[in-house]
Amino acid sequence: MIIDDLHFIQMRTRDGVEVANQLKWLSNEYSATFLFAGVALRERGLVGEGATGKEAAMAQTFRRWTVLSLDPYSLRTKQTRQEWDSLLWHIEQALVLADAHEGMLVDMSRYLFARTTGNIGSLMDLIRRGASRAIRTGAERIDRKLLDDIRIDEGAETERTELQAKHDQEDRARRERRRRRLKSDGAEETGEEAA
C-alpha cells in the first residue's frame, strides 16, 4: 500500500497525531507492505511523531520505519545525467503521439532540466501540457518550440532563466574546449606546434 504526500501531516497538532496513529494501526492490522512517501519527513517531525531529541527515539514510527532518501535529479555527473535521461526515455515510451520519434525527449534533456529544475512534478506537468497541445494543434510531437511558451509552476518558471543561462554557458565552454582540442589535434597531425 502506497501512501503519498505524508509531508502534509502536521505532527505537532492533535489531528496530525491521530492520523499517524491511524497509519500505525493500518500497518499493524493488514499484512501488507506500506510505503509512505513525502518530502523531508524527518525534518517535518513525522518519523519522530513530532517529538525531538531523546523523546523522538521513543516514538513508535522511529523504531518501525526504515527511511530511504532519494537525491534530487541533477546533471552534475555522468551517472546523474544518465538517470535523468533514463527517466525521460521511459516517459517518452509512454507518450502516444502520431509523429513521436525515438529520442524526442532525451534529445531535449538539458532544456527539460532547465525548464523544470529537475523536479518530477514540474516535468510531468510540462510533458502533459505539451502532449495536450501537440494533439490539439496536430503537431503530434513534442519539441522545444512547442514547449517554449507553456507556463508551468512558479518555482520552475522562476528558476528557469537562471538555470538555462548556466547551461548555455556550460555548452559554450564545452564547444570551445572541443574546438581547441580539435585544433590542437589537427596541428599535431601536420607536425605543427599548437598555439
N, C-alpha and C. Protein backbone atom coordinates (compact mmCIF):
# COMPACT_ATOMS: atom_id res chain seq x y z
N MET A 1 0.84 -1.16 0.00
CA MET A 1 0.00 0.00 0.00
C MET A 1 0.90 1.24 0.00
N ILE A 2 0.63 2.14 -0.91
CA ILE A 2 1.44 3.36 -1.02
C ILE A 2 0.61 4.54 -0.55
N ILE A 3 1.16 5.28 0.39
CA ILE A 3 0.51 6.49 0.88
C ILE A 3 1.46 7.64 0.62
N ASP A 4 1.03 8.56 -0.22
CA ASP A 4 1.87 9.67 -0.67
C ASP A 4 1.50 10.96 0.07
N ASP A 5 2.37 11.95 -0.07
CA ASP A 5 2.16 13.29 0.47
C ASP A 5 2.05 13.32 1.99
N LEU A 6 2.79 12.45 2.67
CA LEU A 6 2.75 12.42 4.12
C LEU A 6 3.25 13.72 4.73
N HIS A 7 3.99 14.50 3.96
CA HIS A 7 4.53 15.75 4.50
C HIS A 7 3.44 16.76 4.85
N PHE A 8 2.20 16.51 4.44
CA PHE A 8 1.10 17.43 4.78
C PHE A 8 0.56 17.17 6.19
N ILE A 9 0.96 16.07 6.80
CA ILE A 9 0.51 15.79 8.17
C ILE A 9 1.27 16.70 9.12
N GLN A 10 0.54 17.42 9.94
CA GLN A 10 1.14 18.32 10.93
C GLN A 10 1.24 17.57 12.26
N MET A 11 2.43 17.04 12.54
CA MET A 11 2.62 16.17 13.70
C MET A 11 2.51 16.91 15.03
N ARG A 12 2.58 18.20 15.01
CA ARG A 12 2.50 18.94 16.27
C ARG A 12 1.07 19.38 16.58
N THR A 13 0.12 18.74 15.90
CA THR A 13 -1.30 19.03 16.16
C THR A 13 -1.99 17.73 16.56
N ARG A 14 -3.13 17.85 17.22
CA ARG A 14 -3.90 16.67 17.64
C ARG A 14 -4.32 15.85 16.42
N ASP A 15 -4.79 16.51 15.37
CA ASP A 15 -5.21 15.80 14.15
C ASP A 15 -4.05 15.05 13.53
N GLY A 16 -2.88 15.65 13.51
CA GLY A 16 -1.70 15.00 12.94
C GLY A 16 -1.34 13.74 13.69
N VAL A 17 -1.40 13.80 15.00
CA VAL A 17 -1.09 12.63 15.84
C VAL A 17 -2.12 11.53 15.59
N GLU A 18 -3.40 11.92 15.45
CA GLU A 18 -4.45 10.93 15.20
C GLU A 18 -4.25 10.25 13.84
N VAL A 19 -3.85 11.02 12.83
CA VAL A 19 -3.60 10.42 11.51
C VAL A 19 -2.42 9.46 11.60
N ALA A 20 -1.34 9.87 12.29
CA ALA A 20 -0.17 8.99 12.44
C ALA A 20 -0.56 7.71 13.18
N ASN A 21 -1.40 7.82 14.21
CA ASN A 21 -1.86 6.63 14.94
C ASN A 21 -2.69 5.73 14.02
N GLN A 22 -3.51 6.32 13.16
CA GLN A 22 -4.30 5.52 12.23
C GLN A 22 -3.40 4.78 11.25
N LEU A 23 -2.34 5.44 10.77
CA LEU A 23 -1.40 4.78 9.86
C LEU A 23 -0.70 3.61 10.56
N LYS A 24 -0.32 3.81 11.81
CA LYS A 24 0.31 2.72 12.58
C LYS A 24 -0.67 1.56 12.75
N TRP A 25 -1.94 1.88 13.04
CA TRP A 25 -2.94 0.84 13.20
C TRP A 25 -3.12 0.05 11.91
N LEU A 26 -3.21 0.75 10.78
CA LEU A 26 -3.36 0.08 9.49
C LEU A 26 -2.21 -0.89 9.24
N SER A 27 -0.99 -0.41 9.49
CA SER A 27 0.17 -1.27 9.22
C SER A 27 0.24 -2.45 10.17
N ASN A 28 -0.35 -2.34 11.35
CA ASN A 28 -0.41 -3.47 12.29
C ASN A 28 -1.49 -4.47 11.91
N GLU A 29 -2.59 -3.97 11.39
CA GLU A 29 -3.76 -4.81 11.13
C GLU A 29 -3.71 -5.55 9.80
N TYR A 30 -3.06 -5.00 8.83
CA TYR A 30 -3.06 -5.59 7.49
C TYR A 30 -1.68 -6.14 7.16
N SER A 31 -1.67 -7.35 6.64
CA SER A 31 -0.40 -7.96 6.27
C SER A 31 -0.03 -7.49 4.86
N ALA A 32 0.41 -6.28 4.80
CA ALA A 32 0.81 -5.66 3.54
C ALA A 32 2.07 -4.85 3.79
N THR A 33 2.77 -4.57 2.74
CA THR A 33 3.92 -3.68 2.83
C THR A 33 3.41 -2.26 2.61
N PHE A 34 3.76 -1.37 3.50
CA PHE A 34 3.35 0.02 3.39
C PHE A 34 4.55 0.85 2.95
N LEU A 35 4.31 1.69 1.99
CA LEU A 35 5.32 2.63 1.52
C LEU A 35 4.75 4.02 1.74
N PHE A 36 5.35 4.74 2.68
CA PHE A 36 4.93 6.10 2.99
C PHE A 36 5.90 7.04 2.29
N ALA A 37 5.37 7.94 1.50
CA ALA A 37 6.23 8.84 0.72
C ALA A 37 5.90 10.29 1.07
N GLY A 38 6.93 11.10 1.09
CA GLY A 38 6.75 12.52 1.34
C GLY A 38 8.08 13.24 1.28
N VAL A 39 8.02 14.53 1.42
CA VAL A 39 9.20 15.38 1.33
C VAL A 39 9.66 15.74 2.74
N ALA A 40 10.94 15.52 3.01
CA ALA A 40 11.58 15.92 4.28
C ALA A 40 10.79 15.43 5.49
N LEU A 41 10.50 14.14 5.54
CA LEU A 41 9.67 13.59 6.62
C LEU A 41 10.35 13.70 7.99
N ARG A 42 11.65 13.53 8.02
CA ARG A 42 12.36 13.69 9.30
C ARG A 42 12.23 15.13 9.79
N GLU A 43 12.54 16.07 8.89
CA GLU A 43 12.52 17.48 9.26
C GLU A 43 11.13 17.94 9.68
N ARG A 44 10.09 17.35 9.12
CA ARG A 44 8.72 17.73 9.44
C ARG A 44 8.20 17.02 10.69
N GLY A 45 9.04 16.16 11.29
CA GLY A 45 8.68 15.54 12.55
C GLY A 45 7.88 14.26 12.44
N LEU A 46 7.66 13.75 11.25
CA LEU A 46 6.81 12.57 11.12
C LEU A 46 7.49 11.32 11.64
N VAL A 47 8.79 11.16 11.38
CA VAL A 47 9.49 9.97 11.84
C VAL A 47 9.55 9.93 13.36
N GLY A 48 9.69 11.07 13.99
CA GLY A 48 9.74 11.13 15.45
C GLY A 48 8.40 11.50 16.07
N GLU A 49 7.34 11.46 15.27
CA GLU A 49 5.98 11.78 15.72
C GLU A 49 5.91 13.14 16.39
N GLY A 50 6.65 14.08 15.89
CA GLY A 50 6.59 15.44 16.41
C GLY A 50 7.51 15.68 17.60
N ALA A 51 8.09 14.62 18.14
CA ALA A 51 8.97 14.75 19.30
C ALA A 51 10.38 15.08 18.82
N THR A 52 11.19 15.56 19.74
CA THR A 52 12.58 15.89 19.41
C THR A 52 13.50 15.23 20.43
N GLY A 53 14.78 15.17 20.08
CA GLY A 53 15.79 14.65 21.00
C GLY A 53 15.52 13.22 21.43
N LYS A 54 15.69 12.96 22.74
CA LYS A 54 15.51 11.60 23.27
C LYS A 54 14.07 11.14 23.16
N GLU A 55 13.12 12.08 23.22
CA GLU A 55 11.71 11.71 23.10
C GLU A 55 11.41 11.12 21.73
N ALA A 56 12.09 11.62 20.68
CA ALA A 56 11.87 11.11 19.33
C ALA A 56 12.29 9.65 19.24
N ALA A 57 13.31 9.27 19.99
CA ALA A 57 13.78 7.88 19.96
C ALA A 57 12.75 6.93 20.55
N MET A 58 11.82 7.44 21.32
CA MET A 58 10.77 6.61 21.92
C MET A 58 9.54 6.52 21.02
N ALA A 59 9.52 7.29 19.94
CA ALA A 59 8.36 7.29 19.04
C ALA A 59 8.24 5.93 18.36
N GLN A 60 6.99 5.51 18.15
CA GLN A 60 6.78 4.20 17.53
C GLN A 60 7.27 4.17 16.09
N THR A 61 7.05 5.22 15.34
CA THR A 61 7.49 5.22 13.94
C THR A 61 9.01 5.21 13.86
N PHE A 62 9.66 5.78 14.84
CA PHE A 62 11.12 5.84 14.87
C PHE A 62 11.70 4.43 14.81
N ARG A 63 11.05 3.46 15.45
CA ARG A 63 11.52 2.08 15.50
C ARG A 63 10.87 1.18 14.46
N ARG A 64 9.84 1.66 13.77
CA ARG A 64 9.13 0.82 12.81
C ARG A 64 9.49 1.12 11.36
N TRP A 65 9.86 2.33 11.08
CA TRP A 65 10.06 2.73 9.70
C TRP A 65 11.54 2.71 9.32
N THR A 66 11.80 2.32 8.10
CA THR A 66 13.12 2.46 7.53
C THR A 66 13.04 3.61 6.54
N VAL A 67 13.78 4.65 6.79
CA VAL A 67 13.72 5.83 5.94
C VAL A 67 14.72 5.68 4.79
N LEU A 68 14.23 5.79 3.59
CA LEU A 68 15.07 5.76 2.40
C LEU A 68 15.00 7.13 1.74
N SER A 69 16.13 7.69 1.46
CA SER A 69 16.16 9.02 0.86
C SER A 69 16.46 8.93 -0.63
N LEU A 70 15.94 9.85 -1.36
CA LEU A 70 16.22 9.97 -2.79
C LEU A 70 16.84 11.33 -3.04
N ASP A 71 17.96 11.32 -3.74
CA ASP A 71 18.57 12.59 -4.10
C ASP A 71 17.79 13.21 -5.25
N PRO A 72 17.77 14.53 -5.31
CA PRO A 72 17.08 15.17 -6.44
C PRO A 72 17.83 14.90 -7.74
N TYR A 73 17.10 14.98 -8.84
CA TYR A 73 17.75 14.81 -10.14
C TYR A 73 18.78 15.91 -10.34
N SER A 74 19.83 15.58 -11.06
CA SER A 74 20.94 16.51 -11.27
C SER A 74 21.60 16.19 -12.61
N LEU A 75 22.35 17.14 -13.12
CA LEU A 75 23.14 16.91 -14.33
C LEU A 75 24.62 17.04 -14.03
N ARG A 76 24.99 16.96 -12.76
CA ARG A 76 26.38 17.21 -12.35
C ARG A 76 27.38 16.15 -12.80
N THR A 77 26.96 14.90 -12.80
CA THR A 77 27.90 13.83 -13.15
C THR A 77 27.33 13.01 -14.30
N LYS A 78 28.16 12.17 -14.87
CA LYS A 78 27.72 11.32 -15.96
C LYS A 78 26.58 10.42 -15.48
N GLN A 79 26.72 9.87 -14.28
CA GLN A 79 25.69 8.97 -13.75
C GLN A 79 24.36 9.71 -13.55
N THR A 80 24.39 10.91 -12.98
CA THR A 80 23.13 11.63 -12.74
C THR A 80 22.49 12.08 -14.06
N ARG A 81 23.32 12.40 -15.04
CA ARG A 81 22.76 12.74 -16.37
C ARG A 81 22.10 11.50 -17.00
N GLN A 82 22.72 10.33 -16.82
CA GLN A 82 22.14 9.10 -17.35
C GLN A 82 20.81 8.77 -16.65
N GLU A 83 20.74 9.03 -15.34
CA GLU A 83 19.49 8.79 -14.61
C GLU A 83 18.38 9.70 -15.14
N TRP A 84 18.71 10.98 -15.36
CA TRP A 84 17.73 11.93 -15.90
C TRP A 84 17.31 11.51 -17.30
N ASP A 85 18.26 11.14 -18.13
CA ASP A 85 17.94 10.71 -19.50
C ASP A 85 17.10 9.44 -19.49
N SER A 86 17.38 8.54 -18.56
CA SER A 86 16.59 7.31 -18.45
C SER A 86 15.14 7.63 -18.08
N LEU A 87 14.97 8.55 -17.17
CA LEU A 87 13.62 8.99 -16.81
C LEU A 87 12.90 9.54 -18.04
N LEU A 88 13.57 10.41 -18.79
CA LEU A 88 12.96 10.98 -19.99
C LEU A 88 12.62 9.91 -21.01
N TRP A 89 13.52 8.93 -21.18
CA TRP A 89 13.28 7.86 -22.14
C TRP A 89 12.04 7.07 -21.75
N HIS A 90 11.89 6.76 -20.46
CA HIS A 90 10.73 6.00 -20.01
C HIS A 90 9.44 6.80 -20.17
N ILE A 91 9.48 8.09 -19.91
CA ILE A 91 8.30 8.93 -20.13
C ILE A 91 7.96 8.93 -21.61
N GLU A 92 8.99 9.07 -22.42
CA GLU A 92 8.82 9.10 -23.88
C GLU A 92 8.13 7.83 -24.38
N GLN A 93 8.47 6.68 -23.80
CA GLN A 93 7.87 5.41 -24.23
C GLN A 93 6.38 5.36 -23.95
N ALA A 94 5.93 6.12 -22.96
CA ALA A 94 4.51 6.11 -22.60
C ALA A 94 3.68 7.12 -23.40
N LEU A 95 4.34 8.02 -24.13
CA LEU A 95 3.61 9.03 -24.91
C LEU A 95 3.04 8.40 -26.18
N VAL A 96 1.81 8.74 -26.47
CA VAL A 96 1.16 8.24 -27.68
C VAL A 96 0.88 9.45 -28.58
N LEU A 97 1.82 9.75 -29.44
CA LEU A 97 1.70 10.85 -30.40
C LEU A 97 2.06 10.30 -31.78
N ALA A 98 1.29 10.68 -32.78
CA ALA A 98 1.45 10.11 -34.12
C ALA A 98 2.81 10.41 -34.74
N ASP A 99 3.41 11.56 -34.42
CA ASP A 99 4.69 11.93 -35.03
C ASP A 99 5.85 11.87 -34.03
N ALA A 100 5.66 11.09 -32.97
CA ALA A 100 6.74 10.94 -31.98
C ALA A 100 7.88 10.16 -32.59
N HIS A 101 9.09 10.40 -32.11
CA HIS A 101 10.24 9.65 -32.59
C HIS A 101 11.16 9.31 -31.42
N GLU A 102 11.96 8.28 -31.60
CA GLU A 102 12.91 7.84 -30.58
C GLU A 102 13.85 9.00 -30.24
N GLY A 103 13.97 9.29 -28.97
CA GLY A 103 14.85 10.37 -28.53
C GLY A 103 14.18 11.73 -28.47
N MET A 104 12.88 11.78 -28.70
CA MET A 104 12.16 13.05 -28.75
C MET A 104 12.37 13.87 -27.47
N LEU A 105 12.30 13.24 -26.31
CA LEU A 105 12.51 13.94 -25.04
C LEU A 105 13.98 13.92 -24.63
N VAL A 106 14.64 12.78 -24.83
CA VAL A 106 16.04 12.65 -24.42
C VAL A 106 16.91 13.68 -25.14
N ASP A 107 16.59 13.97 -26.40
CA ASP A 107 17.36 14.97 -27.15
C ASP A 107 17.23 16.36 -26.56
N MET A 108 16.19 16.58 -25.75
CA MET A 108 15.98 17.88 -25.10
C MET A 108 16.32 17.81 -23.61
N SER A 109 17.18 16.89 -23.24
CA SER A 109 17.48 16.60 -21.84
C SER A 109 17.84 17.86 -21.04
N ARG A 110 18.82 18.60 -21.49
CA ARG A 110 19.27 19.78 -20.74
C ARG A 110 18.19 20.86 -20.71
N TYR A 111 17.50 21.03 -21.83
CA TYR A 111 16.41 22.00 -21.90
C TYR A 111 15.32 21.65 -20.89
N LEU A 112 14.91 20.37 -20.87
CA LEU A 112 13.86 19.95 -19.96
C LEU A 112 14.29 20.08 -18.50
N PHE A 113 15.57 19.83 -18.23
CA PHE A 113 16.06 20.00 -16.87
C PHE A 113 16.00 21.48 -16.48
N ALA A 114 16.42 22.35 -17.38
CA ALA A 114 16.40 23.78 -17.09
C ALA A 114 14.96 24.27 -16.91
N ARG A 115 14.06 23.80 -17.73
CA ARG A 115 12.65 24.22 -17.63
C ARG A 115 12.01 23.79 -16.32
N THR A 116 12.41 22.63 -15.79
CA THR A 116 11.73 22.05 -14.64
C THR A 116 12.60 21.99 -13.38
N THR A 117 13.84 22.43 -13.49
CA THR A 117 14.85 22.33 -12.44
C THR A 117 14.98 20.90 -11.92
N GLY A 118 14.67 19.94 -12.78
CA GLY A 118 14.80 18.54 -12.41
C GLY A 118 13.71 18.03 -11.48
N ASN A 119 12.67 18.82 -11.30
CA ASN A 119 11.56 18.44 -10.42
C ASN A 119 10.58 17.56 -11.19
N ILE A 120 10.29 16.38 -10.67
CA ILE A 120 9.45 15.42 -11.37
C ILE A 120 8.03 15.95 -11.58
N GLY A 121 7.49 16.66 -10.59
CA GLY A 121 6.14 17.23 -10.73
C GLY A 121 6.09 18.26 -11.85
N SER A 122 7.09 19.13 -11.89
CA SER A 122 7.15 20.15 -12.93
C SER A 122 7.35 19.51 -14.30
N LEU A 123 8.21 18.49 -14.36
CA LEU A 123 8.47 17.81 -15.62
C LEU A 123 7.19 17.16 -16.16
N MET A 124 6.49 16.43 -15.31
CA MET A 124 5.28 15.74 -15.75
C MET A 124 4.21 16.74 -16.17
N ASP A 125 4.12 17.85 -15.48
CA ASP A 125 3.15 18.88 -15.86
C ASP A 125 3.48 19.45 -17.24
N LEU A 126 4.76 19.74 -17.47
CA LEU A 126 5.19 20.27 -18.76
C LEU A 126 4.93 19.26 -19.88
N ILE A 127 5.25 17.99 -19.65
CA ILE A 127 5.04 16.96 -20.67
C ILE A 127 3.55 16.77 -20.94
N ARG A 128 2.72 16.73 -19.89
CA ARG A 128 1.27 16.59 -20.08
C ARG A 128 0.70 17.74 -20.90
N ARG A 129 1.09 18.96 -20.52
CA ARG A 129 0.60 20.13 -21.25
C ARG A 129 1.13 20.14 -22.69
N GLY A 130 2.39 19.74 -22.84
CA GLY A 130 2.97 19.68 -24.18
C GLY A 130 2.27 18.65 -25.05
N ALA A 131 2.00 17.47 -24.50
CA ALA A 131 1.31 16.42 -25.26
C ALA A 131 -0.09 16.87 -25.64
N SER A 132 -0.76 17.51 -24.71
CA SER A 132 -2.11 18.01 -24.99
C SER A 132 -2.09 19.04 -26.12
N ARG A 133 -1.13 19.95 -26.06
CA ARG A 133 -1.01 20.96 -27.12
C ARG A 133 -0.63 20.31 -28.45
N ALA A 134 0.26 19.32 -28.41
CA ALA A 134 0.67 18.63 -29.63
C ALA A 134 -0.53 17.97 -30.31
N ILE A 135 -1.42 17.41 -29.52
CA ILE A 135 -2.61 16.77 -30.07
C ILE A 135 -3.58 17.83 -30.61
N ARG A 136 -3.83 18.89 -29.81
CA ARG A 136 -4.77 19.94 -30.23
C ARG A 136 -4.33 20.65 -31.51
N THR A 137 -3.01 20.87 -31.64
CA THR A 137 -2.51 21.61 -32.81
C THR A 137 -2.26 20.71 -34.01
N GLY A 138 -2.28 19.42 -33.79
CA GLY A 138 -2.00 18.48 -34.87
C GLY A 138 -0.52 18.24 -35.09
N ALA A 139 0.33 18.83 -34.25
CA ALA A 139 1.79 18.63 -34.37
C ALA A 139 2.15 17.18 -34.09
N GLU A 140 1.48 16.57 -33.14
CA GLU A 140 1.66 15.16 -32.78
C GLU A 140 3.09 14.80 -32.40
N ARG A 141 3.84 15.77 -31.90
CA ARG A 141 5.19 15.53 -31.38
C ARG A 141 5.50 16.65 -30.38
N ILE A 142 6.44 16.39 -29.53
CA ILE A 142 6.87 17.40 -28.55
C ILE A 142 8.26 17.85 -28.94
N ASP A 143 8.42 19.16 -29.08
CA ASP A 143 9.74 19.73 -29.35
C ASP A 143 9.87 21.04 -28.56
N ARG A 144 11.04 21.60 -28.61
CA ARG A 144 11.32 22.79 -27.82
C ARG A 144 10.41 23.95 -28.22
N LYS A 145 10.17 24.11 -29.50
CA LYS A 145 9.32 25.20 -29.97
C LYS A 145 7.92 25.09 -29.35
N LEU A 146 7.40 23.87 -29.31
CA LEU A 146 6.07 23.65 -28.74
C LEU A 146 6.06 23.95 -27.24
N LEU A 147 7.13 23.59 -26.53
CA LEU A 147 7.19 23.74 -25.07
C LEU A 147 7.56 25.13 -24.61
N ASP A 148 8.24 25.90 -25.45
CA ASP A 148 8.81 27.17 -25.02
C ASP A 148 7.83 28.11 -24.32
N ASP A 149 6.62 28.22 -24.82
CA ASP A 149 5.70 29.20 -24.22
C ASP A 149 4.65 28.57 -23.30
N ILE A 150 4.84 27.31 -22.94
CA ILE A 150 3.94 26.69 -21.95
C ILE A 150 4.46 27.05 -20.57
N ARG A 151 3.61 27.71 -19.80
CA ARG A 151 3.99 28.06 -18.42
C ARG A 151 3.61 26.93 -17.50
N ILE A 152 4.50 26.67 -16.54
CA ILE A 152 4.22 25.67 -15.53
C ILE A 152 4.33 26.33 -14.16
N ASP A 153 4.56 25.56 -13.12
CA ASP A 153 4.57 26.10 -11.75
C ASP A 153 5.56 27.24 -11.58
N GLU A 154 5.25 28.11 -10.65
CA GLU A 154 6.05 29.32 -10.44
C GLU A 154 7.48 29.01 -10.01
N GLY A 155 7.67 27.94 -9.24
CA GLY A 155 9.03 27.58 -8.82
C GLY A 155 9.92 27.28 -10.01
N ALA A 156 9.40 26.50 -10.94
CA ALA A 156 10.18 26.16 -12.14
C ALA A 156 10.38 27.38 -13.02
N GLU A 157 9.35 28.19 -13.19
CA GLU A 157 9.46 29.38 -14.05
C GLU A 157 10.44 30.39 -13.48
N THR A 158 10.46 30.53 -12.17
CA THR A 158 11.37 31.49 -11.53
C THR A 158 12.82 31.10 -11.73
N GLU A 159 13.12 29.80 -11.61
CA GLU A 159 14.50 29.33 -11.72
C GLU A 159 14.91 29.05 -13.16
N ARG A 160 13.96 29.04 -14.06
CA ARG A 160 14.20 28.66 -15.46
C ARG A 160 15.28 29.51 -16.13
N THR A 161 15.15 30.81 -16.06
CA THR A 161 16.06 31.71 -16.77
C THR A 161 17.49 31.55 -16.27
N GLU A 162 17.65 31.50 -14.95
CA GLU A 162 18.98 31.38 -14.36
C GLU A 162 19.63 30.04 -14.74
N LEU A 163 18.87 28.96 -14.64
CA LEU A 163 19.41 27.64 -14.95
C LEU A 163 19.71 27.49 -16.44
N GLN A 164 18.83 28.03 -17.28
CA GLN A 164 19.07 27.95 -18.72
C GLN A 164 20.33 28.74 -19.10
N ALA A 165 20.53 29.91 -18.50
CA ALA A 165 21.73 30.71 -18.76
C ALA A 165 22.98 29.94 -18.34
N LYS A 166 22.91 29.27 -17.19
CA LYS A 166 24.05 28.48 -16.71
C LYS A 166 24.35 27.35 -17.69
N HIS A 167 23.31 26.64 -18.16
CA HIS A 167 23.52 25.54 -19.11
C HIS A 167 24.06 26.05 -20.43
N ASP A 168 23.56 27.19 -20.90
CA ASP A 168 24.06 27.77 -22.15
C ASP A 168 25.54 28.11 -22.03
N GLN A 169 25.94 28.66 -20.88
CA GLN A 169 27.34 29.00 -20.64
C GLN A 169 28.20 27.72 -20.63
N GLU A 170 27.72 26.68 -19.97
CA GLU A 170 28.45 25.41 -19.94
C GLU A 170 28.57 24.83 -21.35
N ASP A 171 27.51 24.92 -22.14
CA ASP A 171 27.54 24.42 -23.53
C ASP A 171 28.58 25.19 -24.35
N ARG A 172 28.60 26.52 -24.20
CA ARG A 172 29.59 27.33 -24.94
C ARG A 172 31.00 26.95 -24.54
N ALA A 173 31.24 26.76 -23.24
CA ALA A 173 32.57 26.39 -22.75
C ALA A 173 32.96 25.00 -23.28
N ARG A 174 32.01 24.07 -23.30
CA ARG A 174 32.28 22.73 -23.82
C ARG A 174 32.64 22.78 -25.30
N ARG A 175 31.88 23.56 -26.07
CA ARG A 175 32.17 23.69 -27.51
C ARG A 175 33.53 24.32 -27.74
N GLU A 176 33.89 25.30 -26.92
CA GLU A 176 35.19 25.96 -27.06
C GLU A 176 36.33 25.00 -26.73
N ARG A 177 36.18 24.21 -25.68
CA ARG A 177 37.20 23.21 -25.34
C ARG A 177 37.35 22.20 -26.47
N ARG A 178 36.23 21.78 -27.01
CA ARG A 178 36.27 20.82 -28.12
C ARG A 178 36.95 21.43 -29.34
N ARG A 179 36.62 22.69 -29.65
CA ARG A 179 37.23 23.37 -30.79
C ARG A 179 38.74 23.47 -30.61
N ARG A 180 39.18 23.85 -29.39
CA ARG A 180 40.63 23.95 -29.11
C ARG A 180 41.30 22.59 -29.21
N ARG A 181 40.64 21.54 -28.70
CA ARG A 181 41.20 20.20 -28.76
C ARG A 181 41.33 19.74 -30.21
N LEU A 182 40.29 19.96 -31.03
CA LEU A 182 40.35 19.58 -32.43
C LEU A 182 41.43 20.35 -33.18
N LYS A 183 41.56 21.64 -32.84
CA LYS A 183 42.59 22.46 -33.47
C LYS A 183 43.98 21.95 -33.07
N SER A 184 44.13 21.61 -31.80
CA SER A 184 45.40 21.09 -31.31
C SER A 184 45.72 19.74 -31.96
N ASP A 185 44.71 18.86 -32.05
CA ASP A 185 44.90 17.56 -32.68
C ASP A 185 45.27 17.71 -34.15
N GLY A 186 44.66 18.66 -34.82
CA GLY A 186 44.96 18.90 -36.24
C GLY A 186 46.38 19.41 -36.43
N ALA A 187 46.84 20.24 -35.52
CA ALA A 187 48.20 20.77 -35.60
C ALA A 187 49.22 19.67 -35.35
N GLU A 188 48.90 18.74 -34.44
CA GLU A 188 49.83 17.63 -34.16
C GLU A 188 49.92 16.70 -35.36
N GLU A 189 48.82 16.49 -36.06
CA GLU A 189 48.84 15.59 -37.23
C GLU A 189 49.69 16.16 -38.35
N THR A 190 49.74 17.49 -38.45
CA THR A 190 50.54 18.10 -39.52
C THR A 190 51.95 18.40 -39.06
N GLY A 191 52.26 18.10 -37.79
CA GLY A 191 53.61 18.32 -37.28
C GLY A 191 53.83 19.74 -36.82
N GLU A 192 52.79 20.58 -36.77
CA GLU A 192 52.92 21.96 -36.31
C GLU A 192 52.74 22.01 -34.81
N GLU A 193 53.23 23.06 -34.21
CA GLU A 193 53.03 23.26 -32.77
C GLU A 193 51.72 24.00 -32.61
N ALA A 194 50.97 23.61 -31.61
CA ALA A 194 49.69 24.29 -31.33
C ALA A 194 49.99 25.59 -30.60
N ALA A 195 49.25 26.61 -30.90
CA ALA A 195 49.46 27.90 -30.27
C ALA A 195 48.88 27.92 -28.88
